[in-house]
Amino acid sequence: MSEKTENRGGSPETYKLVNAYDETVRQNVRSMMEKTDMCRCDKCFLDTCAIVFNSQYSHFVTTREGEVLGKVPDMSPGNHAEMLVAIMKALRLVKDFPKH
């Protein structure tokens, strides 16, 4: 979803609403799925990501269209370990109750 606004100079800028955790969660889910005996289809991947995002890993920010997201929320080793636990729980749930 993109929104156009005018900056102070009058020219339009396009902004995008993004979850700052999006790429980190997706990369970790993909990596952990490869090590798990479960379906690796797009549906199971996205269901797992959705569970993780809905559990606690959503931090929405605005960014200019095409701009690389500058700052991901604090990912200390403890926070990263908590994320991995959340991903493992989500993977187990999707593995036990696939939606396809």
N, C-alpha and C. Protein backbone atom coordinates (compact mmCIF):
# COMPACT_ATOMS: atom_id res chain seq x y z
N MET A 1 0.84 -1.17 0.00
CA MET A 1 0.00 0.00 0.00
C MET A 1 0.89 1.24 0.00
N SER A 2 0.71 2.09 -0.93
CA SER A 2 1.50 3.31 -1.04
C SER A 2 0.60 4.53 -0.98
N GLU A 3 1.12 5.57 -0.42
CA GLU A 3 0.40 6.84 -0.32
C GLU A 3 1.27 7.93 -0.90
N LYS A 4 0.66 8.85 -1.65
CA LYS A 4 1.40 9.99 -2.19
C LYS A 4 1.07 11.22 -1.35
N THR A 5 2.12 11.94 -1.00
CA THR A 5 1.96 13.20 -0.28
C THR A 5 2.86 14.22 -0.93
N GLU A 6 2.61 15.47 -0.65
CA GLU A 6 3.48 16.52 -1.18
C GLU A 6 4.48 16.92 -0.12
N ASN A 7 5.74 17.05 -0.53
CA ASN A 7 6.73 17.54 0.41
C ASN A 7 6.69 19.06 0.41
N ARG A 8 7.53 19.69 1.17
CA ARG A 8 7.51 21.15 1.29
C ARG A 8 7.78 21.85 -0.02
N GLY A 9 8.49 21.20 -0.95
CA GLY A 9 8.78 21.80 -2.24
C GLY A 9 7.63 21.66 -3.22
N GLY A 10 6.58 20.95 -2.82
CA GLY A 10 5.41 20.81 -3.67
C GLY A 10 5.43 19.58 -4.55
N SER A 11 6.56 18.89 -4.66
CA SER A 11 6.60 17.68 -5.50
C SER A 11 6.11 16.47 -4.69
N PRO A 12 5.41 15.56 -5.36
CA PRO A 12 4.86 14.41 -4.63
C PRO A 12 5.96 13.40 -4.24
N GLU A 13 5.83 12.85 -3.06
CA GLU A 13 6.67 11.76 -2.60
C GLU A 13 5.76 10.59 -2.29
N THR A 14 6.23 9.40 -2.54
CA THR A 14 5.43 8.22 -2.26
C THR A 14 6.00 7.51 -1.05
N TYR A 15 5.16 7.25 -0.09
CA TYR A 15 5.55 6.56 1.12
C TYR A 15 4.87 5.20 1.19
N LYS A 16 5.49 4.32 1.92
CA LYS A 16 5.00 2.96 2.04
C LYS A 16 4.97 2.58 3.51
N LEU A 17 3.95 1.86 3.93
CA LEU A 17 3.84 1.33 5.28
C LEU A 17 4.42 -0.07 5.28
N VAL A 18 5.43 -0.31 6.10
CA VAL A 18 6.09 -1.62 6.12
C VAL A 18 6.29 -2.10 7.56
N ASN A 19 6.31 -3.42 7.72
CA ASN A 19 6.65 -4.03 8.99
C ASN A 19 8.17 -4.14 9.04
N ALA A 20 8.79 -3.49 10.00
CA ALA A 20 10.25 -3.48 10.09
C ALA A 20 10.83 -4.88 10.31
N TYR A 21 10.03 -5.79 10.85
CA TYR A 21 10.50 -7.16 11.08
C TYR A 21 10.31 -8.06 9.86
N ASP A 22 9.66 -7.59 8.82
CA ASP A 22 9.24 -8.44 7.71
C ASP A 22 10.37 -9.31 7.16
N GLU A 23 11.44 -8.70 6.72
CA GLU A 23 12.51 -9.46 6.07
C GLU A 23 13.21 -10.41 7.04
N THR A 24 13.43 -9.96 8.28
CA THR A 24 14.09 -10.80 9.27
C THR A 24 13.26 -12.05 9.57
N VAL A 25 11.96 -11.87 9.76
CA VAL A 25 11.09 -13.02 10.03
C VAL A 25 11.07 -13.95 8.83
N ARG A 26 10.88 -13.41 7.63
CA ARG A 26 10.82 -14.26 6.43
C ARG A 26 12.10 -15.07 6.24
N GLN A 27 13.25 -14.44 6.41
CA GLN A 27 14.52 -15.14 6.23
C GLN A 27 14.67 -16.27 7.26
N ASN A 28 14.33 -15.98 8.50
CA ASN A 28 14.46 -17.00 9.54
C ASN A 28 13.46 -18.13 9.37
N VAL A 29 12.24 -17.81 8.96
CA VAL A 29 11.24 -18.86 8.72
C VAL A 29 11.72 -19.76 7.58
N ARG A 30 12.16 -19.17 6.49
CA ARG A 30 12.64 -19.94 5.33
C ARG A 30 13.79 -20.87 5.75
N SER A 31 14.74 -20.32 6.49
CA SER A 31 15.90 -21.09 6.94
C SER A 31 15.48 -22.25 7.84
N MET A 32 14.59 -21.98 8.78
CA MET A 32 14.18 -23.02 9.72
C MET A 32 13.28 -24.07 9.05
N MET A 33 12.49 -23.66 8.06
CA MET A 33 11.67 -24.63 7.33
C MET A 33 12.55 -25.65 6.61
N GLU A 34 13.68 -25.19 6.10
CA GLU A 34 14.60 -26.08 5.38
C GLU A 34 15.17 -27.16 6.30
N LYS A 35 15.19 -26.90 7.59
CA LYS A 35 15.75 -27.84 8.56
C LYS A 35 14.67 -28.68 9.24
N THR A 36 13.42 -28.51 8.81
CA THR A 36 12.29 -29.16 9.45
C THR A 36 11.61 -30.11 8.47
N ASP A 37 11.16 -31.23 8.98
CA ASP A 37 10.44 -32.20 8.16
C ASP A 37 8.98 -31.76 8.07
N MET A 38 8.73 -30.84 7.15
CA MET A 38 7.37 -30.33 6.96
C MET A 38 7.22 -29.84 5.53
N CYS A 39 6.00 -29.55 5.16
CA CYS A 39 5.72 -28.99 3.84
C CYS A 39 6.40 -27.62 3.74
N ARG A 40 6.99 -27.34 2.59
CA ARG A 40 7.68 -26.06 2.39
C ARG A 40 7.01 -25.20 1.31
N CYS A 41 5.73 -25.47 1.06
CA CYS A 41 5.03 -24.70 0.03
C CYS A 41 4.82 -23.25 0.48
N ASP A 42 4.45 -22.40 -0.46
CA ASP A 42 4.23 -20.98 -0.16
C ASP A 42 3.14 -20.78 0.89
N LYS A 43 2.08 -21.60 0.84
CA LYS A 43 0.98 -21.46 1.80
C LYS A 43 1.48 -21.71 3.22
N CYS A 44 2.23 -22.78 3.42
CA CYS A 44 2.76 -23.09 4.76
C CYS A 44 3.77 -22.03 5.20
N PHE A 45 4.59 -21.56 4.27
CA PHE A 45 5.55 -20.50 4.58
C PHE A 45 4.83 -19.24 5.04
N LEU A 46 3.84 -18.80 4.27
CA LEU A 46 3.13 -17.57 4.61
C LEU A 46 2.27 -17.73 5.86
N ASP A 47 1.68 -18.92 6.06
CA ASP A 47 0.92 -19.15 7.30
C ASP A 47 1.83 -19.04 8.51
N THR A 48 3.03 -19.60 8.41
CA THR A 48 3.99 -19.52 9.51
C THR A 48 4.38 -18.07 9.77
N CYS A 49 4.69 -17.33 8.72
CA CYS A 49 5.04 -15.91 8.88
C CYS A 49 3.90 -15.14 9.52
N ALA A 50 2.67 -15.40 9.10
CA ALA A 50 1.51 -14.70 9.66
C ALA A 50 1.37 -14.95 11.15
N ILE A 51 1.58 -16.19 11.57
CA ILE A 51 1.49 -16.51 13.00
C ILE A 51 2.55 -15.74 13.77
N VAL A 52 3.76 -15.72 13.26
CA VAL A 52 4.85 -15.00 13.94
C VAL A 52 4.56 -13.51 13.99
N PHE A 53 4.14 -12.93 12.88
CA PHE A 53 3.82 -11.49 12.86
C PHE A 53 2.70 -11.17 13.84
N ASN A 54 1.67 -12.00 13.87
CA ASN A 54 0.54 -11.75 14.75
C ASN A 54 0.86 -12.00 16.22
N SER A 55 1.87 -12.81 16.50
CA SER A 55 2.20 -13.10 17.89
C SER A 55 2.90 -11.92 18.56
N GLN A 56 3.85 -11.31 17.89
CA GLN A 56 4.52 -10.17 18.52
C GLN A 56 5.48 -9.43 17.59
N TYR A 57 5.69 -9.93 16.41
CA TYR A 57 6.71 -9.32 15.57
C TYR A 57 6.13 -8.45 14.46
N SER A 58 5.44 -7.40 14.91
CA SER A 58 5.01 -6.38 13.98
C SER A 58 5.43 -5.03 14.56
N HIS A 59 6.09 -4.28 13.74
CA HIS A 59 6.57 -2.95 14.12
C HIS A 59 6.52 -2.13 12.83
N PHE A 60 5.38 -1.48 12.62
CA PHE A 60 5.17 -0.78 11.36
C PHE A 60 5.78 0.61 11.37
N VAL A 61 6.42 0.94 10.25
CA VAL A 61 7.04 2.24 10.05
C VAL A 61 6.72 2.70 8.63
N THR A 62 6.91 3.99 8.39
CA THR A 62 6.75 4.50 7.04
C THR A 62 8.12 4.73 6.44
N THR A 63 8.21 4.51 5.15
CA THR A 63 9.47 4.71 4.43
C THR A 63 9.13 5.22 3.04
N ARG A 64 10.06 5.91 2.43
CA ARG A 64 9.84 6.37 1.06
C ARG A 64 9.85 5.18 0.12
N GLU A 65 9.03 5.24 -0.89
CA GLU A 65 8.96 4.19 -1.91
C GLU A 65 10.34 3.95 -2.49
N GLY A 66 10.78 2.71 -2.51
CA GLY A 66 12.07 2.36 -3.08
C GLY A 66 13.24 2.51 -2.13
N GLU A 67 13.02 3.11 -0.98
CA GLU A 67 14.08 3.31 -0.01
C GLU A 67 14.27 2.04 0.81
N VAL A 68 15.50 1.70 1.07
CA VAL A 68 15.78 0.54 1.91
C VAL A 68 15.43 0.90 3.34
N LEU A 69 14.77 -0.01 4.02
CA LEU A 69 14.39 0.23 5.40
C LEU A 69 15.64 0.40 6.23
N GLY A 70 15.77 1.54 6.86
CA GLY A 70 17.00 1.87 7.55
C GLY A 70 17.21 1.18 8.87
N LYS A 71 16.20 1.09 9.72
CA LYS A 71 16.42 0.59 11.06
C LYS A 71 15.40 -0.47 11.43
N VAL A 72 15.91 -1.64 11.70
CA VAL A 72 15.08 -2.72 12.21
C VAL A 72 15.11 -2.59 13.72
N PRO A 73 13.99 -2.86 14.39
CA PRO A 73 13.98 -2.77 15.85
C PRO A 73 15.11 -3.61 16.47
N ASP A 74 15.50 -3.26 17.67
CA ASP A 74 16.61 -3.91 18.37
C ASP A 74 16.55 -5.44 18.24
N MET A 75 17.61 -6.01 17.69
CA MET A 75 17.68 -7.45 17.53
C MET A 75 18.88 -7.96 18.32
N SER A 76 18.84 -7.77 19.63
CA SER A 76 19.90 -8.29 20.49
C SER A 76 19.85 -9.82 20.44
N PRO A 77 20.90 -10.48 20.89
CA PRO A 77 20.87 -11.95 20.89
C PRO A 77 19.66 -12.53 21.63
N GLY A 78 19.27 -11.90 22.71
CA GLY A 78 18.09 -12.36 23.46
C GLY A 78 16.82 -12.21 22.65
N ASN A 79 16.66 -11.07 21.98
CA ASN A 79 15.48 -10.84 21.15
C ASN A 79 15.45 -11.80 19.96
N HIS A 80 16.63 -12.04 19.39
CA HIS A 80 16.71 -12.97 18.26
C HIS A 80 16.33 -14.38 18.70
N ALA A 81 16.78 -14.79 19.88
CA ALA A 81 16.43 -16.11 20.41
C ALA A 81 14.93 -16.22 20.63
N GLU A 82 14.32 -15.16 21.14
CA GLU A 82 12.86 -15.16 21.34
C GLU A 82 12.14 -15.28 20.01
N MET A 83 12.65 -14.61 18.98
CA MET A 83 12.04 -14.72 17.67
C MET A 83 12.13 -16.15 17.15
N LEU A 84 13.27 -16.78 17.33
CA LEU A 84 13.44 -18.16 16.87
C LEU A 84 12.49 -19.11 17.59
N VAL A 85 12.26 -18.88 18.86
CA VAL A 85 11.30 -19.70 19.61
C VAL A 85 9.89 -19.49 19.05
N ALA A 86 9.53 -18.24 18.78
CA ALA A 86 8.21 -17.95 18.20
C ALA A 86 8.06 -18.62 16.84
N ILE A 87 9.13 -18.62 16.05
CA ILE A 87 9.10 -19.27 14.74
C ILE A 87 8.95 -20.78 14.89
N MET A 88 9.68 -21.38 15.83
CA MET A 88 9.58 -22.83 16.04
C MET A 88 8.16 -23.22 16.44
N LYS A 89 7.53 -22.43 17.32
CA LYS A 89 6.15 -22.71 17.73
C LYS A 89 5.21 -22.60 16.53
N ALA A 90 5.41 -21.58 15.70
CA ALA A 90 4.56 -21.39 14.53
C ALA A 90 4.76 -22.53 13.53
N LEU A 91 6.01 -22.94 13.33
CA LEU A 91 6.29 -24.06 12.41
C LEU A 91 5.61 -25.33 12.89
N ARG A 92 5.67 -25.60 14.17
CA ARG A 92 5.03 -26.79 14.73
C ARG A 92 3.52 -26.75 14.50
N LEU A 93 2.94 -25.58 14.71
CA LEU A 93 1.49 -25.43 14.53
C LEU A 93 1.10 -25.66 13.08
N VAL A 94 1.84 -25.05 12.16
CA VAL A 94 1.53 -25.21 10.73
C VAL A 94 1.79 -26.65 10.28
N LYS A 95 2.83 -27.27 10.79
CA LYS A 95 3.12 -28.66 10.44
C LYS A 95 2.00 -29.58 10.92
N ASP A 96 1.54 -29.37 12.16
CA ASP A 96 0.50 -30.23 12.73
C ASP A 96 -0.89 -29.97 12.15
N PHE A 97 -1.14 -28.74 11.73
CA PHE A 97 -2.46 -28.36 11.22
C PHE A 97 -2.33 -27.55 9.92
N PRO A 98 -1.82 -28.16 8.85
CA PRO A 98 -1.69 -27.43 7.58
C PRO A 98 -3.05 -27.01 7.06
N LYS A 99 -3.10 -25.90 6.37
CA LYS A 99 -4.36 -25.35 5.86
C LYS A 99 -4.57 -25.67 4.38
N HIS A 100 -3.93 -26.72 3.90
CA HIS A 100 -4.15 -27.15 2.51
C HIS A 100 -4.39 -28.63 2.45
